[in-house]
N, C-alpha and C. Protein backbone atom coordinates (compact mmCIF):
# COMPACT_ATOMS: atom_id res chain seq x y z
N MET A 1 171.35 174.55 -3.22
CA MET A 1 172.82 174.50 -3.19
C MET A 1 172.45 172.82 -3.80
N GLU A 2 171.86 172.08 -2.83
CA GLU A 2 171.80 170.97 -2.95
C GLU A 2 171.40 170.19 -4.24
N LEU A 3 170.65 171.07 -4.84
CA LEU A 3 170.04 170.49 -6.25
C LEU A 3 171.07 170.93 -7.44
N ILE A 4 171.92 171.98 -7.20
CA ILE A 4 173.16 172.19 -8.27
C ILE A 4 173.88 171.24 -8.11
N ILE A 5 174.59 170.84 -7.01
CA ILE A 5 175.38 169.37 -6.82
C ILE A 5 174.52 168.00 -7.20
N GLN A 6 173.22 168.07 -7.12
CA GLN A 6 173.04 166.86 -7.57
C GLN A 6 172.77 166.86 -9.35
N LEU A 7 172.43 167.94 -10.03
CA LEU A 7 172.38 168.23 -11.67
C LEU A 7 173.89 167.95 -11.79
N ILE A 8 174.89 168.54 -11.09
CA ILE A 8 176.25 168.49 -11.87
C ILE A 8 176.93 166.90 -11.63
N ALA A 9 176.16 166.49 -10.42
CA ALA A 9 176.73 164.84 -10.14
C ALA A 9 175.84 164.10 -11.43
N GLY A 10 174.97 164.20 -11.63
CA GLY A 10 173.99 163.63 -12.55
C GLY A 10 174.91 163.69 -14.05
N ALA A 11 174.55 164.64 -14.29
CA ALA A 11 175.70 164.69 -15.96
C ALA A 11 177.16 163.82 -15.81
N ILE A 12 177.75 164.34 -14.84
CA ILE A 12 178.59 163.02 -14.63
C ILE A 12 178.27 162.03 -14.27
N GLY A 13 177.57 161.31 -13.66
CA GLY A 13 176.87 159.88 -13.61
C GLY A 13 176.45 159.63 -14.94
N GLY A 14 175.79 159.97 -15.98
CA GLY A 14 175.34 159.96 -16.98
C GLY A 14 176.51 159.62 -18.40
N ASN A 15 177.61 160.58 -18.30
CA ASN A 15 178.34 160.70 -19.01
C ASN A 15 179.54 159.05 -18.36
N ALA A 16 179.76 159.09 -17.27
CA ALA A 16 180.31 157.73 -16.56
C ALA A 16 179.60 156.48 -17.12
N ALA A 17 178.41 156.55 -16.80
CA ALA A 17 177.44 155.04 -16.91
C ALA A 17 177.94 154.87 -18.54
N GLY A 18 177.62 155.89 -19.75
CA GLY A 18 177.93 156.12 -21.04
C GLY A 18 179.38 155.53 -21.25
N ALA A 19 180.29 155.79 -20.59
CA ALA A 19 181.51 155.45 -20.81
C ALA A 19 181.57 153.82 -20.64
N VAL A 20 180.95 153.29 -19.63
CA VAL A 20 181.32 152.25 -19.14
C VAL A 20 180.10 151.06 -19.84
N LEU A 21 178.97 151.32 -20.25
CA LEU A 21 178.07 151.01 -20.93
C LEU A 21 177.91 151.23 -22.20
N LYS A 22 178.86 150.70 -23.26
CA LYS A 22 179.49 151.30 -24.94
C LYS A 22 178.13 151.47 -25.26
N ASN A 23 177.32 149.87 -25.07
CA ASN A 23 176.62 149.64 -26.18
C ASN A 23 174.84 150.61 -26.01
N LEU A 24 174.90 151.03 -24.77
CA LEU A 24 173.69 151.80 -24.20
C LEU A 24 174.32 153.28 -24.42
N ASN A 25 175.53 153.79 -24.51
CA ASN A 25 175.95 155.06 -24.99
C ASN A 25 175.00 155.95 -25.66
N LEU A 26 174.92 157.03 -25.30
CA LEU A 26 173.85 157.92 -26.31
C LEU A 26 174.63 159.36 -27.00
N GLY A 27 175.58 159.37 -26.79
CA GLY A 27 176.97 160.31 -27.15
C GLY A 27 176.71 161.67 -25.77
N PRO A 28 177.90 162.25 -25.91
CA PRO A 28 178.31 163.02 -24.45
C PRO A 28 177.08 164.29 -24.35
N LEU A 29 176.53 164.69 -25.23
CA LEU A 29 175.19 165.80 -25.10
C LEU A 29 174.27 165.00 -24.84
N LEU A 30 173.57 164.04 -25.22
CA LEU A 30 172.64 163.44 -24.54
C LEU A 30 172.79 162.59 -23.19
N ASN A 31 173.95 161.91 -23.02
CA ASN A 31 174.48 161.40 -21.69
C ASN A 31 174.24 162.77 -21.02
N SER A 32 174.62 163.53 -21.18
CA SER A 32 174.59 164.94 -19.93
C SER A 32 173.43 165.39 -19.81
N VAL A 33 172.01 165.45 -20.84
CA VAL A 33 171.25 166.03 -20.51
C VAL A 33 170.57 165.21 -19.74
N LEU A 34 170.37 163.58 -20.09
CA LEU A 34 169.74 163.10 -19.43
C LEU A 34 170.36 162.70 -17.94
N GLY A 35 171.83 162.69 -17.81
CA GLY A 35 172.47 162.34 -16.38
C GLY A 35 171.59 164.10 -15.47
N VAL A 36 171.33 165.07 -16.10
CA VAL A 36 171.23 166.06 -15.58
C VAL A 36 169.46 166.07 -15.06
N ILE A 37 168.62 165.85 -15.84
CA ILE A 37 167.44 165.03 -15.62
C ILE A 37 167.19 164.22 -14.45
N GLY A 38 168.04 163.04 -14.67
CA GLY A 38 168.29 161.94 -13.93
C GLY A 38 168.69 162.06 -12.36
N GLY A 39 169.70 162.73 -12.21
CA GLY A 39 170.44 163.46 -11.39
C GLY A 39 169.24 164.27 -10.40
N GLY A 40 168.43 165.29 -10.69
CA GLY A 40 167.77 165.96 -10.08
C GLY A 40 166.84 165.27 -9.37
N LEU A 41 166.10 164.37 -10.54
CA LEU A 41 164.78 163.54 -10.21
C LEU A 41 165.10 162.36 -8.88
N GLY A 42 166.31 161.59 -9.25
CA GLY A 42 167.21 160.76 -8.10
C GLY A 42 167.17 161.42 -6.47
N GLY A 43 168.09 162.51 -6.98
CA GLY A 43 168.10 163.36 -5.76
C GLY A 43 166.69 163.81 -4.92
N GLN A 44 165.66 163.98 -5.34
CA GLN A 44 164.45 164.36 -5.00
C GLN A 44 163.78 162.99 -4.12
N ILE A 45 163.63 162.54 -5.16
CA ILE A 45 163.15 160.92 -5.20
C ILE A 45 164.09 160.17 -3.35
N LEU A 46 165.07 160.46 -3.60
CA LEU A 46 165.89 159.61 -2.26
C LEU A 46 165.43 160.89 -1.41
N GLY A 47 165.62 162.01 -1.41
CA GLY A 47 165.18 163.24 -0.51
C GLY A 47 163.96 162.72 0.31
N MET A 48 162.86 162.63 -0.60
CA MET A 48 161.47 162.25 0.02
C MET A 48 161.53 160.93 0.61
N MET A 49 162.69 159.93 0.07
CA MET A 49 162.79 158.96 0.98
C MET A 49 163.52 158.81 2.34
N GLY A 50 163.91 159.86 2.25
CA GLY A 50 164.92 160.15 3.64
C GLY A 50 166.17 159.70 3.70
N ALA A 51 166.69 159.40 2.50
CA ALA A 51 168.03 158.90 2.04
C ALA A 51 169.37 159.84 1.70
N GLY A 52 168.39 161.06 1.31
CA GLY A 52 169.71 161.92 0.59
C GLY A 52 168.97 163.36 1.03
N GLY A 53 169.99 164.52 0.85
CA GLY A 53 169.57 165.95 0.40
C GLY A 53 169.39 166.51 2.05
N MET A 54 167.99 167.26 2.06
CA MET A 54 167.63 167.83 3.53
C MET A 54 167.67 166.54 4.40
N ALA A 55 167.26 165.46 4.17
CA ALA A 55 166.58 164.75 5.23
C ALA A 55 167.84 163.67 6.16
N ALA A 56 169.04 164.26 4.92
CA ALA A 56 170.50 163.50 5.80
C ALA A 56 170.99 164.57 6.85
N GLY A 57 170.33 165.91 6.59
CA GLY A 57 171.41 166.81 7.58
C GLY A 57 171.17 167.97 6.88
N GLY A 58 170.91 168.14 5.99
CA GLY A 58 170.92 169.30 5.20
C GLY A 58 171.78 170.69 5.39
N MET A 59 171.21 171.29 6.19
CA MET A 59 172.28 172.70 6.45
C MET A 59 172.78 172.15 8.10
N ALA A 60 174.07 172.71 8.09
CA ALA A 60 174.45 172.64 9.59
C ALA A 60 174.44 173.63 10.08
N ALA A 61 174.05 173.93 11.71
CA ALA A 61 174.00 175.10 12.42
C ALA A 61 174.54 176.01 11.90
N GLY A 62 175.83 176.32 11.34
CA GLY A 62 176.19 177.58 10.98
C GLY A 62 175.21 177.77 9.19
N GLY A 63 174.27 177.16 9.01
CA GLY A 63 173.89 177.99 7.69
C GLY A 63 174.59 177.37 6.34
N GLY A 64 175.33 176.45 6.70
CA GLY A 64 176.05 176.08 5.38
C GLY A 64 175.67 174.73 5.37
N MET A 65 175.95 173.96 4.34
CA MET A 65 175.94 172.69 4.00
C MET A 65 176.49 171.68 4.80
N ASP A 66 176.53 170.58 5.65
CA ASP A 66 177.43 169.76 6.08
C ASP A 66 178.02 168.36 4.79
N MET A 67 179.07 168.30 5.39
CA MET A 67 179.47 167.01 4.79
C MET A 67 178.53 165.87 4.04
N GLY A 68 178.21 165.87 5.16
CA GLY A 68 177.15 164.34 4.97
C GLY A 68 176.07 164.67 3.69
N SER A 69 175.60 165.98 3.34
CA SER A 69 174.59 166.35 2.63
C SER A 69 175.11 166.31 1.36
N ILE A 70 176.36 167.10 1.30
CA ILE A 70 177.39 166.67 -0.01
C ILE A 70 177.16 165.76 -0.68
N ILE A 71 177.43 164.83 0.05
CA ILE A 71 177.87 163.36 -0.35
C ILE A 71 176.28 162.87 -0.85
N ALA A 72 175.45 163.15 0.25
CA ALA A 72 174.71 162.12 0.10
C ALA A 72 173.83 162.73 -1.55
N SER A 73 173.96 164.01 -1.47
CA SER A 73 173.43 164.86 -2.84
C SER A 73 174.57 164.36 -4.24
N LEU A 74 175.96 163.93 -3.81
CA LEU A 74 176.80 163.69 -4.80
C LEU A 74 176.20 162.29 -5.58
N ALA A 75 175.95 161.37 -4.84
CA ALA A 75 175.93 159.78 -4.65
C ALA A 75 174.33 159.73 -5.33
N SER A 76 173.56 160.49 -4.99
CA SER A 76 172.09 160.44 -5.29
C SER A 76 172.06 161.31 -6.78
N GLY A 77 172.34 162.20 -6.90
CA GLY A 77 172.52 162.79 -8.36
C GLY A 77 173.47 161.72 -9.26
N GLY A 78 174.41 161.23 -9.07
CA GLY A 78 175.42 160.96 -9.44
C GLY A 78 174.86 159.00 -10.06
N VAL A 79 174.24 158.54 -9.64
CA VAL A 79 173.35 157.17 -9.56
C VAL A 79 172.14 157.53 -10.21
N GLY A 80 171.21 158.31 -10.20
CA GLY A 80 170.19 159.04 -10.51
C GLY A 80 170.68 159.27 -12.21
N GLY A 81 171.33 159.95 -12.16
CA GLY A 81 171.92 160.35 -13.94
C GLY A 81 172.08 159.53 -14.34
N GLY A 82 173.13 158.60 -13.82
CA GLY A 82 173.53 157.10 -14.82
C GLY A 82 172.18 156.03 -15.03
N ALA A 83 171.31 155.76 -13.73
CA ALA A 83 170.44 155.17 -13.94
C ALA A 83 169.38 155.51 -15.35
N LEU A 84 169.38 156.82 -15.18
CA LEU A 84 168.19 157.02 -16.62
C LEU A 84 168.89 157.10 -18.00
N MET A 85 170.04 157.43 -17.94
CA MET A 85 171.04 157.29 -18.91
C MET A 85 170.81 155.98 -19.36
N ALA A 86 170.74 154.78 -18.35
CA ALA A 86 170.70 153.36 -18.94
C ALA A 86 169.67 153.20 -19.39
N ILE A 87 168.53 153.30 -18.62
CA ILE A 87 167.15 153.45 -18.87
C ILE A 87 166.45 153.47 -20.20
N VAL A 88 167.01 154.61 -20.56
CA VAL A 88 167.08 155.16 -22.16
C VAL A 88 167.66 154.81 -23.26
N GLY A 89 169.12 154.59 -22.63
CA GLY A 89 169.42 154.02 -23.87
C GLY A 89 169.17 152.32 -23.68
N VAL A 90 168.60 151.65 -23.23
CA VAL A 90 167.81 150.30 -23.21
C VAL A 90 166.66 150.23 -24.09
N VAL A 91 165.89 150.98 -23.79
CA VAL A 91 164.84 151.79 -24.54
C VAL A 91 165.06 152.13 -26.12
N LYS A 92 166.07 152.73 -25.98
CA LYS A 92 166.24 153.12 -27.84
C LYS A 92 166.93 151.96 -28.53
N ASN A 93 168.06 151.18 -27.83
CA ASN A 93 168.54 149.87 -28.22
C ASN A 93 167.22 148.96 -28.80
N MET A 94 166.34 148.55 -27.77
CA MET A 94 164.96 147.92 -28.07
C MET A 94 164.15 148.42 -29.48
N MET A 95 163.81 149.74 -29.23
CA MET A 95 163.37 150.21 -30.58
C MET A 95 163.82 149.80 -32.06
N GLU A 96 165.25 150.32 -31.36
CA GLU A 96 165.84 149.86 -32.85
C GLU A 96 165.99 148.12 -33.31
N LYS A 97 165.61 147.51 -32.86
CA LYS A 97 165.71 145.90 -33.01
C LYS A 97 164.33 145.70 -33.56
N SER A 98 163.55 146.59 -33.34
CA SER A 98 162.39 145.81 -33.92
C SER A 98 161.65 146.77 -34.93
C-alpha cells in the first residue's frame, strides 16, 4: 500500500515541479511517468535510510497503516517524483544547448 501511495504522490510531485519550474517542464505525460519512477525510487531510498515507509512506523497494531507512515510515503514520493523530473529537465536543457 505504501508503494502505491508513493507512486501516486510521485506523479503529483512530478507535475507540480513541472508547473513551478516552467523551463524544466517536460509535459504532463513525461512529468507523470518520471514522477512515478522518482516517487517509487525516492520512497524506497528514504525507507532504507529509515526516514519513510515501514521504518517510520509502517503498519499499525490493527494491521492498517498509521498516519505517520502515510504522510512519510506522501512526502517521500512527492519529493522523489519532483526531484527526478527536475533532474531530467536539467539534463534535457543541457543537451539542447550543446
